[in-house]
Amino acid sequence: SRNLTTTSGDVTLKVPRLKGISFETAIIERYRRRESSVEEALIE
């Protein structure tokens, strides 16, 4: 499980674990918890 804060609220992502191959996702950056739009809005 990986929590991610989006502009729609907190969501729980079920990130697949794979054997024999690394899972690189374009949906979220590794270890990133916060959507960039949220972070930018906080700074602004």
Full PDB file with SEQRES, HELIX, SHEET, SSBOND, CRYST1, ORIGX, SCALE, CONECT and MASTER records, all heavy atoms in Angstrom:
SEQRES   1 A   44  SER ARG ASN LEU THR THR THR SER GLY ASP VAL THR LEU          
SEQRES   2 A   44  LYS VAL PRO ARG LEU LYS GLY ILE SER PHE GLU THR ALA          
SEQRES   3 A   44  ILE ILE GLU ARG TYR ARG ARG ARG GLU SER SER VAL GLU          
SEQRES   4 A   44  GLU ALA LEU ILE GLU                                          
HELIX    1 AA1 SER A   36  ILE A   43  1                                   8    
SHEET    1 AA1 2 ARG A   2  THR A   6  0                                        
SHEET    2 AA1 2 GLY A   9  LEU A  13 -1                                        
CRYST1    1.000    1.000    1.000  90.00  90.00  90.00 P 1           1          
ORIGX1      1.000000  0.000000  0.000000        0.00000                         
ORIGX2      0.000000  1.000000  0.000000        0.00000                         
ORIGX3      0.000000  0.000000  1.000000        0.00000                         
SCALE1      1.000000  0.000000  0.000000        0.00000                         
SCALE2      0.000000  1.000000  0.000000        0.00000                         
SCALE3      0.000000  0.000000  1.000000        0.00000                         
ATOM      1  N   SER A   1       0.831  -1.207   0.000  1.00  0.00           N  
ATOM      2  CA  SER A   1       0.000   0.000   0.000  1.00  0.00           C  
ATOM      3  C   SER A   1       0.864   1.255   0.000  1.00  0.00           C  
ATOM      4  O   SER A   1       1.927   1.304   0.629  1.00  0.00           O  
ATOM      5  CB  SER A   1      -0.920   0.014   1.223  1.00  0.00           C  
ATOM      6  OG  SER A   1      -1.830  -1.061   1.163  1.00  0.00           O  
ATOM      7  N   ARG A   2       0.393   2.246  -0.693  1.00  0.00           N  
ATOM      8  CA  ARG A   2       1.083   3.539  -0.751  1.00  0.00           C  
ATOM      9  C   ARG A   2       0.026   4.636  -0.733  1.00  0.00           C  
ATOM     10  O   ARG A   2      -0.888   4.631  -1.550  1.00  0.00           O  
ATOM     11  CB  ARG A   2       1.914   3.634  -2.031  1.00  0.00           C  
ATOM     12  CG  ARG A   2       2.615   4.955  -2.210  1.00  0.00           C  
ATOM     13  CD  ARG A   2       3.782   5.074  -1.263  1.00  0.00           C  
ATOM     14  NE  ARG A   2       4.851   4.159  -1.611  1.00  0.00           N  
ATOM     15  CZ  ARG A   2       5.821   3.811  -0.783  1.00  0.00           C  
ATOM     16  NH1 ARG A   2       5.837   4.285   0.435  1.00  0.00           N  
ATOM     17  NH2 ARG A   2       6.768   2.980  -1.162  1.00  0.00           N  
ATOM     18  N   ASN A   3       0.122   5.515   0.234  1.00  0.00           N  
ATOM     19  CA  ASN A   3      -0.824   6.628   0.299  1.00  0.00           C  
ATOM     20  C   ASN A   3      -0.376   7.749  -0.639  1.00  0.00           C  
ATOM     21  O   ASN A   3       0.816   8.033  -0.760  1.00  0.00           O  
ATOM     22  CB  ASN A   3      -0.920   7.185   1.720  1.00  0.00           C  
ATOM     23  CG  ASN A   3      -1.606   6.216   2.660  1.00  0.00           C  
ATOM     24  OD1 ASN A   3      -2.486   5.467   2.251  1.00  0.00           O  
ATOM     25  ND2 ASN A   3      -1.194   6.216   3.927  1.00  0.00           N  
ATOM     26  N   LEU A   4      -1.339   8.359  -1.284  1.00  0.00           N  
ATOM     27  CA  LEU A   4      -1.051   9.471  -2.185  1.00  0.00           C  
ATOM     28  C   LEU A   4      -2.118  10.536  -1.985  1.00  0.00           C  
ATOM     29  O   LEU A   4      -3.319  10.242  -2.002  1.00  0.00           O  
ATOM     30  CB  LEU A   4      -1.062   8.999  -3.645  1.00  0.00           C  
ATOM     31  CG  LEU A   4      -0.788  10.067  -4.711  1.00  0.00           C  
ATOM     32  CD1 LEU A   4       0.662  10.530  -4.652  1.00  0.00           C  
ATOM     33  CD2 LEU A   4      -1.115   9.549  -6.102  1.00  0.00           C  
ATOM     34  N   THR A   5      -1.690  11.771  -1.750  1.00  0.00           N  
ATOM     35  CA  THR A   5      -2.636  12.879  -1.626  1.00  0.00           C  
ATOM     36  C   THR A   5      -2.849  13.488  -2.996  1.00  0.00           C  
ATOM     37  O   THR A   5      -1.897  13.925  -3.639  1.00  0.00           O  
ATOM     38  CB  THR A   5      -2.115  13.957  -0.656  1.00  0.00           C  
ATOM     39  OG1 THR A   5      -1.943  13.361   0.631  1.00  0.00           O  
ATOM     40  CG2 THR A   5      -3.104  15.107  -0.542  1.00  0.00           C  
ATOM     41  N   THR A   6      -4.084  13.487  -3.431  1.00  0.00           N  
ATOM     42  CA  THR A   6      -4.429  14.072  -4.728  1.00  0.00           C  
ATOM     43  C   THR A   6      -5.345  15.262  -4.508  1.00  0.00           C  
ATOM     44  O   THR A   6      -5.783  15.519  -3.383  1.00  0.00           O  
ATOM     45  CB  THR A   6      -5.137  13.052  -5.641  1.00  0.00           C  
ATOM     46  OG1 THR A   6      -6.477  12.888  -5.194  1.00  0.00           O  
ATOM     47  CG2 THR A   6      -4.421  11.718  -5.637  1.00  0.00           C  
ATOM     48  N   THR A   7      -5.678  15.950  -5.569  1.00  0.00           N  
ATOM     49  CA  THR A   7      -6.588  17.087  -5.449  1.00  0.00           C  
ATOM     50  C   THR A   7      -8.003  16.643  -5.110  1.00  0.00           C  
ATOM     51  O   THR A   7      -8.865  17.468  -4.820  1.00  0.00           O  
ATOM     52  CB  THR A   7      -6.607  17.895  -6.761  1.00  0.00           C  
ATOM     53  OG1 THR A   7      -6.802  17.001  -7.852  1.00  0.00           O  
ATOM     54  CG2 THR A   7      -5.307  18.654  -6.958  1.00  0.00           C  
ATOM     55  N   SER A   8      -8.251  15.340  -5.134  1.00  0.00           N  
ATOM     56  CA  SER A   8      -9.571  14.809  -4.768  1.00  0.00           C  
ATOM     57  C   SER A   8      -9.578  14.237  -3.353  1.00  0.00           C  
ATOM     58  O   SER A   8     -10.605  13.758  -2.884  1.00  0.00           O  
ATOM     59  CB  SER A   8      -9.986  13.707  -5.759  1.00  0.00           C  
ATOM     60  OG  SER A   8     -10.030  14.217  -7.068  1.00  0.00           O  
ATOM     61  N   GLY A   9      -8.433  14.244  -2.686  1.00  0.00           N  
ATOM     62  CA  GLY A   9      -8.333  13.713  -1.337  1.00  0.00           C  
ATOM     63  C   GLY A   9      -7.297  12.605  -1.263  1.00  0.00           C  
ATOM     64  O   GLY A   9      -6.638  12.266  -2.251  1.00  0.00           O  
ATOM     65  N   ASP A  10      -7.146  12.017  -0.071  1.00  0.00           N  
ATOM     66  CA  ASP A  10      -6.187  10.920   0.111  1.00  0.00           C  
ATOM     67  C   ASP A  10      -6.708   9.645  -0.534  1.00  0.00           C  
ATOM     68  O   ASP A  10      -7.880   9.270  -0.353  1.00  0.00           O  
ATOM     69  CB  ASP A  10      -5.960  10.668   1.602  1.00  0.00           C  
ATOM     70  CG  ASP A  10      -5.002  11.673   2.209  1.00  0.00           C  
ATOM     71  OD1 ASP A  10      -4.458  12.485   1.450  1.00  0.00           O  
ATOM     72  OD2 ASP A  10      -4.813  11.644   3.437  1.00  0.00           O  
ATOM     73  N   VAL A  11      -5.841   8.960  -1.268  1.00  0.00           N  
ATOM     74  CA  VAL A  11      -6.201   7.673  -1.858  1.00  0.00           C  
ATOM     75  C   VAL A  11      -5.148   6.639  -1.464  1.00  0.00           C  
ATOM     76  O   VAL A  11      -3.991   6.983  -1.190  1.00  0.00           O  
ATOM     77  CB  VAL A  11      -6.306   7.745  -3.402  1.00  0.00           C  
ATOM     78  CG1 VAL A  11      -7.401   8.702  -3.824  1.00  0.00           C  
ATOM     79  CG2 VAL A  11      -4.978   8.151  -4.032  1.00  0.00           C  
ATOM     80  N   THR A  12      -5.570   5.369  -1.400  1.00  0.00           N  
ATOM     81  CA  THR A  12      -4.652   4.276  -1.084  1.00  0.00           C  
ATOM     82  C   THR A  12      -4.374   3.501  -2.355  1.00  0.00           C  
ATOM     83  O   THR A  12      -5.294   2.937  -2.972  1.00  0.00           O  
ATOM     84  CB  THR A  12      -5.256   3.337  -0.022  1.00  0.00           C  
ATOM     85  OG1 THR A  12      -5.528   4.088   1.166  1.00  0.00           O  
ATOM     86  CG2 THR A  12      -4.289   2.203   0.303  1.00  0.00           C  
ATOM     87  N   LEU A  13      -3.120   3.494  -2.757  1.00  0.00           N  
ATOM     88  CA  LEU A  13      -2.723   2.782  -3.967  1.00  0.00           C  
ATOM     89  C   LEU A  13      -2.239   1.374  -3.605  1.00  0.00           C  
ATOM     90  O   LEU A  13      -1.497   1.199  -2.631  1.00  0.00           O  
ATOM     91  CB  LEU A  13      -1.612   3.526  -4.690  1.00  0.00           C  
ATOM     92  CG  LEU A  13      -1.935   4.947  -5.159  1.00  0.00           C  
ATOM     93  CD1 LEU A  13      -0.722   5.551  -5.861  1.00  0.00           C  
ATOM     94  CD2 LEU A  13      -3.143   4.965  -6.083  1.00  0.00           C  
ATOM     95  N   LYS A  14      -2.668   0.381  -4.368  1.00  0.00           N  
ATOM     96  CA  LYS A  14      -2.200  -0.996  -4.204  1.00  0.00           C  
ATOM     97  C   LYS A  14      -1.164  -1.238  -5.297  1.00  0.00           C  
ATOM     98  O   LYS A  14      -1.506  -1.592  -6.424  1.00  0.00           O  
ATOM     99  CB  LYS A  14      -3.367  -1.964  -4.311  1.00  0.00           C  
ATOM    100  CG  LYS A  14      -4.382  -1.802  -3.187  1.00  0.00           C  
ATOM    101  CD  LYS A  14      -5.549  -2.764  -3.346  1.00  0.00           C  
ATOM    102  CE  LYS A  14      -6.551  -2.581  -2.212  1.00  0.00           C  
ATOM    103  NZ  LYS A  14      -7.723  -3.506  -2.369  1.00  0.00           N  
ATOM    104  N   VAL A  15       0.080  -1.020  -4.954  1.00  0.00           N  
ATOM    105  CA  VAL A  15       1.160  -1.105  -5.930  1.00  0.00           C  
ATOM    106  C   VAL A  15       1.601  -2.551  -6.084  1.00  0.00           C  
ATOM    107  O   VAL A  15       1.975  -3.207  -5.094  1.00  0.00           O  
ATOM    108  CB  VAL A  15       2.360  -0.234  -5.504  1.00  0.00           C  
ATOM    109  CG1 VAL A  15       3.439  -0.250  -6.586  1.00  0.00           C  
ATOM    110  CG2 VAL A  15       1.911   1.193  -5.215  1.00  0.00           C  
ATOM    111  N   PRO A  16       1.542  -3.098  -7.302  1.00  0.00           N  
ATOM    112  CA  PRO A  16       1.927  -4.504  -7.512  1.00  0.00           C  
ATOM    113  C   PRO A  16       3.399  -4.768  -7.185  1.00  0.00           C  
ATOM    114  O   PRO A  16       4.268  -3.961  -7.513  1.00  0.00           O  
ATOM    115  CB  PRO A  16       1.656  -4.726  -9.005  1.00  0.00           C  
ATOM    116  CG  PRO A  16       0.660  -3.675  -9.374  1.00  0.00           C  
ATOM    117  CD  PRO A  16       1.033  -2.486  -8.545  1.00  0.00           C  
ATOM    118  N   ARG A  17       3.645  -5.911  -6.496  1.00  0.00           N  
ATOM    119  CA  ARG A  17       5.014  -6.389  -6.289  1.00  0.00           C  
ATOM    120  C   ARG A  17       5.289  -7.440  -7.361  1.00  0.00           C  
ATOM    121  O   ARG A  17       4.470  -8.330  -7.599  1.00  0.00           O  
ATOM    122  CB  ARG A  17       5.168  -7.019  -4.910  1.00  0.00           C  
ATOM    123  CG  ARG A  17       5.404  -6.038  -3.785  1.00  0.00           C  
ATOM    124  CD  ARG A  17       5.964  -6.768  -2.567  1.00  0.00           C  
ATOM    125  NE  ARG A  17       6.266  -5.851  -1.493  1.00  0.00           N  
ATOM    126  CZ  ARG A  17       5.476  -5.610  -0.461  1.00  0.00           C  
ATOM    127  NH1 ARG A  17       4.312  -6.234  -0.375  1.00  0.00           N  
ATOM    128  NH2 ARG A  17       5.830  -4.767   0.486  1.00  0.00           N  
ATOM    129  N   LEU A  18       6.443  -7.350  -7.994  1.00  0.00           N  
ATOM    130  CA  LEU A  18       6.790  -8.290  -9.044  1.00  0.00           C  
ATOM    131  C   LEU A  18       8.086  -9.010  -8.712  1.00  0.00           C  
ATOM    132  O   LEU A  18       8.989  -8.445  -8.089  1.00  0.00           O  
ATOM    133  CB  LEU A  18       6.936  -7.566 -10.386  1.00  0.00           C  
ATOM    134  CG  LEU A  18       5.736  -6.762 -10.892  1.00  0.00           C  
ATOM    135  CD1 LEU A  18       6.075  -6.114 -12.222  1.00  0.00           C  
ATOM    136  CD2 LEU A  18       4.499  -7.629 -11.012  1.00  0.00           C  
ATOM    137  N   LYS A  19       8.181 -10.281  -9.127  1.00  0.00           N  
ATOM    138  CA  LYS A  19       9.418 -11.056  -8.992  1.00  0.00           C  
ATOM    139  C   LYS A  19      10.023 -11.249 -10.364  1.00  0.00           C  
ATOM    140  O   LYS A  19       9.322 -11.518 -11.333  1.00  0.00           O  
ATOM    141  CB  LYS A  19       9.121 -12.419  -8.372  1.00  0.00           C  
ATOM    142  CG  LYS A  19       8.856 -12.383  -6.887  1.00  0.00           C  
ATOM    143  CD  LYS A  19       8.700 -13.795  -6.343  1.00  0.00           C  
ATOM    144  CE  LYS A  19       8.500 -13.784  -4.821  1.00  0.00           C  
ATOM    145  NZ  LYS A  19       8.349 -15.161  -4.290  1.00  0.00           N  
ATOM    146  N   GLY A  20      11.332 -11.085 -10.430  1.00  0.00           N  
ATOM    147  CA  GLY A  20      12.024 -11.302 -11.691  1.00  0.00           C  
ATOM    148  C   GLY A  20      12.046 -10.073 -12.589  1.00  0.00           C  
ATOM    149  O   GLY A  20      12.634 -10.102 -13.669  1.00  0.00           O  
ATOM    150  N   ILE A  21      11.403  -9.020 -12.165  1.00  0.00           N  
ATOM    151  CA  ILE A  21      11.362  -7.787 -12.958  1.00  0.00           C  
ATOM    152  C   ILE A  21      11.013  -6.630 -12.026  1.00  0.00           C  
ATOM    153  O   ILE A  21      10.222  -6.786 -11.094  1.00  0.00           O  
ATOM    154  CB  ILE A  21      10.330  -7.899 -14.113  1.00  0.00           C  
ATOM    155  CG1 ILE A  21      10.404  -6.676 -15.031  1.00  0.00           C  
ATOM    156  CG2 ILE A  21       8.935  -8.075 -13.570  1.00  0.00           C  
ATOM    157  CD1 ILE A  21       9.526  -6.822 -16.280  1.00  0.00           C  
ATOM    158  N   SER A  22      11.636  -5.491 -12.230  1.00  0.00           N  
ATOM    159  CA  SER A  22      11.332  -4.332 -11.383  1.00  0.00           C  
ATOM    160  C   SER A  22      10.107  -3.606 -11.918  1.00  0.00           C  
ATOM    161  O   SER A  22       9.900  -3.543 -13.136  1.00  0.00           O  
ATOM    162  CB  SER A  22      12.527  -3.371 -11.333  1.00  0.00           C  
ATOM    163  OG  SER A  22      12.790  -2.860 -12.626  1.00  0.00           O  
ATOM    164  N   PHE A  23       9.307  -3.127 -10.994  1.00  0.00           N  
ATOM    165  CA  PHE A  23       8.075  -2.424 -11.387  1.00  0.00           C  
ATOM    166  C   PHE A  23       8.316  -0.912 -11.349  1.00  0.00           C  
ATOM    167  O   PHE A  23       8.405  -0.308 -10.291  1.00  0.00           O  
ATOM    168  CB  PHE A  23       6.928  -2.803 -10.454  1.00  0.00           C  
ATOM    169  CG  PHE A  23       5.617  -2.141 -10.811  1.00  0.00           C  
ATOM    170  CD1 PHE A  23       5.032  -2.350 -12.052  1.00  0.00           C  
ATOM    171  CD2 PHE A  23       4.971  -1.307  -9.903  1.00  0.00           C  
ATOM    172  CE1 PHE A  23       3.828  -1.752 -12.392  1.00  0.00           C  
ATOM    173  CE2 PHE A  23       3.770  -0.701 -10.234  1.00  0.00           C  
ATOM    174  CZ  PHE A  23       3.196  -0.924 -11.479  1.00  0.00           C  
ATOM    175  N   GLU A  24       8.467  -0.316 -12.505  1.00  0.00           N  
ATOM    176  CA  GLU A  24       8.637   1.129 -12.620  1.00  0.00           C  
ATOM    177  C   GLU A  24       7.335   1.700 -13.164  1.00  0.00           C  
ATOM    178  O   GLU A  24       6.939   1.360 -14.280  1.00  0.00           O  
ATOM    179  CB  GLU A  24       9.795   1.468 -13.560  1.00  0.00           C  
ATOM    180  CG  GLU A  24      11.153   0.977 -13.086  1.00  0.00           C  
ATOM    181  CD  GLU A  24      11.642   1.724 -11.860  1.00  0.00           C  
ATOM    182  OE1 GLU A  24      11.138   2.835 -11.597  1.00  0.00           O  
ATOM    183  OE2 GLU A  24      12.536   1.203 -11.162  1.00  0.00           O  
ATOM    184  N   THR A  25       6.680   2.518 -12.372  1.00  0.00           N  
ATOM    185  CA  THR A  25       5.384   3.044 -12.785  1.00  0.00           C  
ATOM    186  C   THR A  25       5.463   4.498 -13.226  1.00  0.00           C  
ATOM    187  O   THR A  25       6.188   5.293 -12.632  1.00  0.00           O  
ATOM    188  CB  THR A  25       4.344   2.910 -11.659  1.00  0.00           C  
ATOM    189  OG1 THR A  25       3.139   3.562 -12.067  1.00  0.00           O  
ATOM    190  CG2 THR A  25       4.832   3.563 -10.363  1.00  0.00           C  
ATOM    191  N   ALA A  26       4.720   4.812 -14.249  1.00  0.00           N  
ATOM    192  CA  ALA A  26       4.606   6.209 -14.695  1.00  0.00           C  
ATOM    193  C   ALA A  26       3.494   6.926 -13.941  1.00  0.00           C  
ATOM    194  O   ALA A  26       3.343   8.133 -14.046  1.00  0.00           O  
ATOM    195  CB  ALA A  26       4.327   6.253 -16.199  1.00  0.00           C  
ATOM    196  N   ILE A  27       2.696   6.166 -13.169  1.00  0.00           N  
ATOM    197  CA  ILE A  27       1.564   6.764 -12.441  1.00  0.00           C  
ATOM    198  C   ILE A  27       2.061   7.574 -11.256  1.00  0.00           C  
ATOM    199  O   ILE A  27       1.618   8.671 -10.983  1.00  0.00           O  
ATOM    200  CB  ILE A  27       0.589   5.666 -11.964  1.00  0.00           C  
ATOM    201  CG1 ILE A  27       0.140   4.785 -13.137  1.00  0.00           C  
ATOM    202  CG2 ILE A  27      -0.609   6.293 -11.269  1.00  0.00           C  
ATOM    203  CD1 ILE A  27      -0.571   5.536 -14.227  1.00  0.00           C  
ATOM    204  N   ILE A  28       2.994   7.028 -10.516  1.00  0.00           N  
ATOM    205  CA  ILE A  28       3.561   7.759  -9.370  1.00  0.00           C  
ATOM    206  C   ILE A  28       5.068   7.603  -9.395  1.00  0.00           C  
ATOM    207  O   ILE A  28       5.597   6.585  -9.837  1.00  0.00           O  
ATOM    208  CB  ILE A  28       3.021   7.253  -8.010  1.00  0.00           C  
ATOM    209  CG1 ILE A  28       3.275   5.753  -7.890  1.00  0.00           C  
ATOM    210  CG2 ILE A  28       1.570   7.597  -7.834  1.00  0.00           C  
ATOM    211  CD1 ILE A  28       3.002   5.195  -6.519  1.00  0.00           C  
ATOM    212  N   GLU A  29       5.773   8.597  -8.917  1.00  0.00           N  
ATOM    213  CA  GLU A  29       7.211   8.479  -8.761  1.00  0.00           C  
ATOM    214  C   GLU A  29       7.469   7.656  -7.516  1.00  0.00           C  
ATOM    215  O   GLU A  29       6.697   7.675  -6.552  1.00  0.00           O  
ATOM    216  CB  GLU A  29       7.842   9.863  -8.594  1.00  0.00           C  
ATOM    217  CG  GLU A  29       7.669  10.763  -9.794  1.00  0.00           C  
ATOM    218  CD  GLU A  29       8.176  12.163  -9.516  1.00  0.00           C  
ATOM    219  OE1 GLU A  29       8.953  12.313  -8.548  1.00  0.00           O  
ATOM    220  OE2 GLU A  29       7.796  13.073 -10.249  1.00  0.00           O  
ATOM    221  N   ARG A  30       8.572   6.927  -7.518  1.00  0.00           N  
ATOM    222  CA  ARG A  30       8.876   6.071  -6.384  1.00  0.00           C  
ATOM    223  C   ARG A  30       9.035   6.891  -5.111  1.00  0.00           C  
ATOM    224  O   ARG A  30       9.728   7.904  -5.106  1.00  0.00           O  
ATOM    225  CB  ARG A  30      10.165   5.294  -6.672  1.00  0.00           C  
ATOM    226  CG  ARG A  30      10.373   4.121  -5.732  1.00  0.00           C  
ATOM    227  CD  ARG A  30      11.586   3.349  -6.143  1.00  0.00           C  
ATOM    228  NE  ARG A  30      11.724   2.143  -5.341  1.00  0.00           N  
ATOM    229  CZ  ARG A  30      12.744   1.309  -5.424  1.00  0.00           C  
ATOM    230  NH1 ARG A  30      13.715   1.548  -6.279  1.00  0.00           N  
ATOM    231  NH2 ARG A  30      12.805   0.245  -4.657  1.00  0.00           N  
ATOM    232  N   TYR A  31       8.369   6.426  -4.032  1.00  0.00           N  
ATOM    233  CA  TYR A  31       8.384   7.068  -2.717  1.00  0.00           C  
ATOM    234  C   TYR A  31       7.716   8.449  -2.693  1.00  0.00           C  
ATOM    235  O   TYR A  31       7.808   9.150  -1.690  1.00  0.00           O  
ATOM    236  CB  TYR A  31       9.815   7.211  -2.164  1.00  0.00           C  
ATOM    237  CG  TYR A  31      10.567   5.921  -2.114  1.00  0.00           C  
ATOM    238  CD1 TYR A  31      11.776   5.783  -2.771  1.00  0.00           C  
ATOM    239  CD2 TYR A  31      10.057   4.837  -1.410  1.00  0.00           C  
ATOM    240  CE1 TYR A  31      12.472   4.583  -2.740  1.00  0.00           C  
ATOM    241  CE2 TYR A  31      10.750   3.631  -1.374  1.00  0.00           C  
ATOM    242  CZ  TYR A  31      11.948   3.512  -2.036  1.00  0.00           C  
ATOM    243  OH  TYR A  31      12.626   2.333  -2.004  1.00  0.00           O  
ATOM    244  N   ARG A  32       7.072   8.844  -3.781  1.00  0.00           N  
ATOM    245  CA  ARG A  32       6.428  10.163  -3.778  1.00  0.00           C  
ATOM    246  C   ARG A  32       5.046  10.033  -3.190  1.00  0.00           C  
ATOM    247  O   ARG A  32       4.230   9.257  -3.658  1.00  0.00           O  
ATOM    248  CB  ARG A  32       6.347  10.723  -5.191  1.00  0.00           C  
ATOM    249  CG  ARG A  32       5.784  12.148  -5.235  1.00  0.00           C  
ATOM    250  CD  ARG A  32       5.974  12.738  -6.620  1.00  0.00           C  
ATOM    251  NE  ARG A  32       5.411  14.062  -6.743  1.00  0.00           N  
ATOM    252  CZ  ARG A  32       5.991  15.160  -6.311  1.00  0.00           C  
ATOM    253  NH1 ARG A  32       7.146  15.084  -5.703  1.00  0.00           N  
ATOM    254  NH2 ARG A  32       5.419  16.334  -6.467  1.00  0.00           N  
ATOM    255  N   ARG A  33       4.736  10.849  -2.148  1.00  0.00           N  
ATOM    256  CA  ARG A  33       3.461  10.753  -1.458  1.00  0.00           C  
ATOM    257  C   ARG A  33       2.460  11.810  -1.923  1.00  0.00           C  
ATOM    258  O   ARG A  33       1.290  11.701  -1.681  1.00  0.00           O  
ATOM    259  CB  ARG A  33       3.645  10.949   0.061  1.00  0.00           C  
ATOM    260  CG  ARG A  33       4.633  10.015   0.712  1.00  0.00           C  
ATOM    261  CD  ARG A  33       4.094   8.609   0.750  1.00  0.00           C  
ATOM    262  NE  ARG A  33       4.706   7.802   1.786  1.00  0.00           N  
ATOM    263  CZ  ARG A  33       5.872   7.212   1.669  1.00  0.00           C  
ATOM    264  NH1 ARG A  33       6.562   7.347   0.570  1.00  0.00           N  
ATOM    265  NH2 ARG A  33       6.347   6.496   2.656  1.00  0.00           N  
ATOM    266  N   ARG A  34       2.962  12.851  -2.549  1.00  0.00           N  
ATOM    267  CA  ARG A  34       2.075  13.988  -2.808  1.00  0.00           C  
ATOM    268  C   ARG A  34       2.066  14.364  -4.265  1.00  0.00           C  
ATOM    269  O   ARG A  34       3.114  14.476  -4.890  1.00  0.00           O  
ATOM    270  CB  ARG A  34       2.526  15.203  -1.982  1.00  0.00           C  
ATOM    271  CG  ARG A  34       1.640  16.417  -2.158  1.00  0.00           C  
ATOM    272  CD  ARG A  34       1.750  17.337  -0.978  1.00  0.00           C  
ATOM    273  NE  ARG A  34       1.021  16.787   0.149  1.00  0.00           N  
ATOM    274  CZ  ARG A  34       1.571  16.139   1.179  1.00  0.00           C  
ATOM    275  NH1 ARG A  34       2.874  15.996   1.243  1.00  0.00           N  
ATOM    276  NH2 ARG A  34       0.826  15.645   2.142  1.00  0.00           N  
ATOM    277  N   GLU A  35       0.891  14.562  -4.797  1.00  0.00           N  
ATOM    278  CA  GLU A  35       0.742  14.992  -6.176  1.00  0.00           C  
ATOM    279  C   GLU A  35       1.375  16.371  -6.348  1.00  0.00           C  
ATOM    280  O   GLU A  35       1.262  17.229  -5.476  1.00  0.00           O  
ATOM    281  CB  GLU A  35      -0.758  15.068  -6.493  1.00  0.00           C  
ATOM    282  CG  GLU A  35      -1.082  15.146  -7.956  1.00  0.00           C  
ATOM    283  CD  GLU A  35      -2.586  15.149  -8.164  1.00  0.00           C  
ATOM    284  OE1 GLU A  35      -3.266  15.875  -7.448  1.00  0.00           O  
ATOM    285  OE2 GLU A  35      -3.052  14.431  -9.044  1.00  0.00           O  
ATOM    286  N   SER A  36       2.072  16.599  -7.443  1.00  0.00           N  
ATOM    287  CA  SER A  36       2.822  17.845  -7.629  1.00  0.00           C  
ATOM    288  C   SER A  36       1.934  19.077  -7.551  1.00  0.00           C  
ATOM    289  O   SER A  36       2.335  20.109  -7.024  1.00  0.00           O  
ATOM    290  CB  SER A  36       3.557  17.824  -8.973  1.00  0.00           C  
ATOM    291  OG  SER A  36       2.638  17.704 -10.040  1.00  0.00           O  
ATOM    292  N   SER A  37       0.706  18.969  -8.040  1.00  0.00           N  
ATOM    293  CA  SER A  37      -0.189  20.130  -8.002  1.00  0.00           C  
ATOM    294  C   SER A  37      -0.503  20.553  -6.576  1.00  0.00           C  
ATOM    295  O   SER A  37      -0.644  21.734  -6.275  1.00  0.00           O  
ATOM    296  CB  SER A  37      -1.495  19.827  -8.745  1.00  0.00           C  
ATOM    297  OG  SER A  37      -2.193  18.770  -8.125  1.00  0.00           O  
ATOM    298  N   VAL A  38      -0.608  19.557  -5.664  1.00  0.00           N  
ATOM    299  CA  VAL A  38      -0.870  19.851  -4.257  1.00  0.00           C  
ATOM    300  C   VAL A  38       0.322  20.567  -3.644  1.00  0.00           C  
ATOM    301  O   VAL A  38       0.192  21.573  -2.948  1.00  0.00           O  
ATOM    302  CB  VAL A  38      -1.187  18.554  -3.477  1.00  0.00           C  
ATOM    303  CG1 VAL A  38      -1.379  18.852  -1.999  1.00  0.00           C  
ATOM    304  CG2 VAL A  38      -2.419  17.883  -4.056  1.00  0.00           C  
ATOM    305  N   GLU A  39       1.526  20.040  -3.907  1.00  0.00           N  
ATOM    306  CA  GLU A  39       2.743  20.630  -3.352  1.00  0.00           C  
ATOM    307  C   GLU A  39       2.931  22.065  -3.829  1.00  0.00           C  
ATOM    308  O   GLU A  39       3.242  22.965  -3.047  1.00  0.00           O  
ATOM    309  CB  GLU A  39       3.945  19.777  -3.751  1.00  0.00           C  
ATOM    310  CG  GLU A  39       5.233  20.177  -3.069  1.00  0.00           C  
ATOM    311  CD  GLU A  39       6.330  19.167  -3.339  1.00  0.00           C  
ATOM    312  OE1 GLU A  39       6.390  18.162  -2.626  1.00  0.00           O  
ATOM    313  OE2 GLU A  39       7.108  19.394  -4.281  1.00  0.00           O  
ATOM    314  N   GLU A  40       2.731  22.280  -5.119  1.00  0.00           N  
ATOM    315  CA  GLU A  40       2.874  23.622  -5.675  1.00  0.00           C  
ATOM    316  C   GLU A  40       1.859  24.577  -5.060  1.00  0.00           C  
ATOM    317  O   GLU A  40       2.165  25.728  -4.777  1.00  0.00           O  
ATOM    318  CB  GLU A  40       2.717  23.574  -7.194  1.00  0.00           C  
ATOM    319  CG  GLU A  40       3.914  22.934  -7.894  1.00  0.00           C  
ATOM    320  CD  GLU A  40       3.640  22.647  -9.355  1.00  0.00           C  
ATOM    321  OE1 GLU A  40       2.585  23.088  -9.836  1.00  0.00           O  
ATOM    322  OE2 GLU A  40       4.469  21.987 -10.000  1.00  0.00           O  
ATOM    323  N   ALA A  41       0.641  24.081  -4.860  1.00  0.00           N  
ATOM    324  CA  ALA A  41      -0.404  24.926  -4.272  1.00  0.00           C  
ATOM    325  C   ALA A  41      -0.038  25.323  -2.846  1.00  0.00           C  
ATOM    326  O   ALA A  41      -0.260  26.462  -2.426  1.00  0.00           O  
ATOM    327  CB  ALA A  41      -1.743  24.198  -4.293  1.00  0.00           C  
ATOM    328  N   LEU A  42       0.547  24.389  -2.090  1.00  0.00           N  
ATOM    329  CA  LEU A  42       0.964  24.690  -0.720  1.00  0.00           C  
ATOM    330  C   LEU A  42       2.038  25.771  -0.703  1.00  0.00           C  
ATOM    331  O   LEU A  42       1.998  26.700   0.110  1.00  0.00           O  
ATOM    332  CB  LEU A  42       1.487  23.424  -0.039  1.00  0.00           C  
ATOM    333  CG  LEU A  42       0.440  22.372   0.338  1.00  0.00           C  
ATOM    334  CD1 LEU A  42       1.120  21.104   0.803  1.00  0.00           C  
ATOM    335  CD2 LEU A  42      -0.485  22.905   1.417  1.00  0.00           C  
ATOM    336  N   ILE A  43       3.015  25.640  -1.597  1.00  0.00           N  
ATOM    337  CA  ILE A  43       4.081  26.642  -1.678  1.00  0.00           C  
ATOM    338  C   ILE A  43       3.504  27.993  -2.066  1.00  0.00           C  
ATOM    339  O   ILE A  43       3.858  29.026  -1.495  1.00  0.00           O  
ATOM    340  CB  ILE A  43       5.167  26.199  -2.684  1.00  0.00           C  
ATOM    341  CG1 ILE A  43       5.906  24.969  -2.142  1.00  0.00           C  
ATOM    342  CG2 ILE A  43       6.158  27.331  -2.947  1.00  0.00           C  
ATOM    343  CD1 ILE A  43       6.897  24.367  -3.111  1.00  0.00           C  
ATOM    344  N   GLU A  44       2.577  27.995  -3.031  1.00  0.00           N  
ATOM    345  CA  GLU A  44       1.979  29.254  -3.462  1.00  0.00           C  
ATOM    346  C   GLU A  44       1.199  29.916  -2.330  1.00  0.00           C  
ATOM    347  O   GLU A  44       1.192  31.130  -2.195  1.00  0.00           O  
ATOM    348  CB  GLU A  44       1.058  29.024  -4.668  1.00  0.00           C  
ATOM    349  CG  GLU A  44       1.796  28.782  -5.976  1.00  0.00           C  
ATOM    350  CD  GLU A  44       2.732  29.931  -6.319  1.00  0.00           C  
ATOM    351  OE1 GLU A  44       2.333  31.103  -6.207  1.00  0.00           O  
ATOM    352  OE2 GLU A  44       3.887  29.657  -6.688  1.00  0.00           O  
TER     353      GLU A  44                                                      
MASTER        0    0    0    1    2    0    0    6  352    1    0    4          
END                                                                             
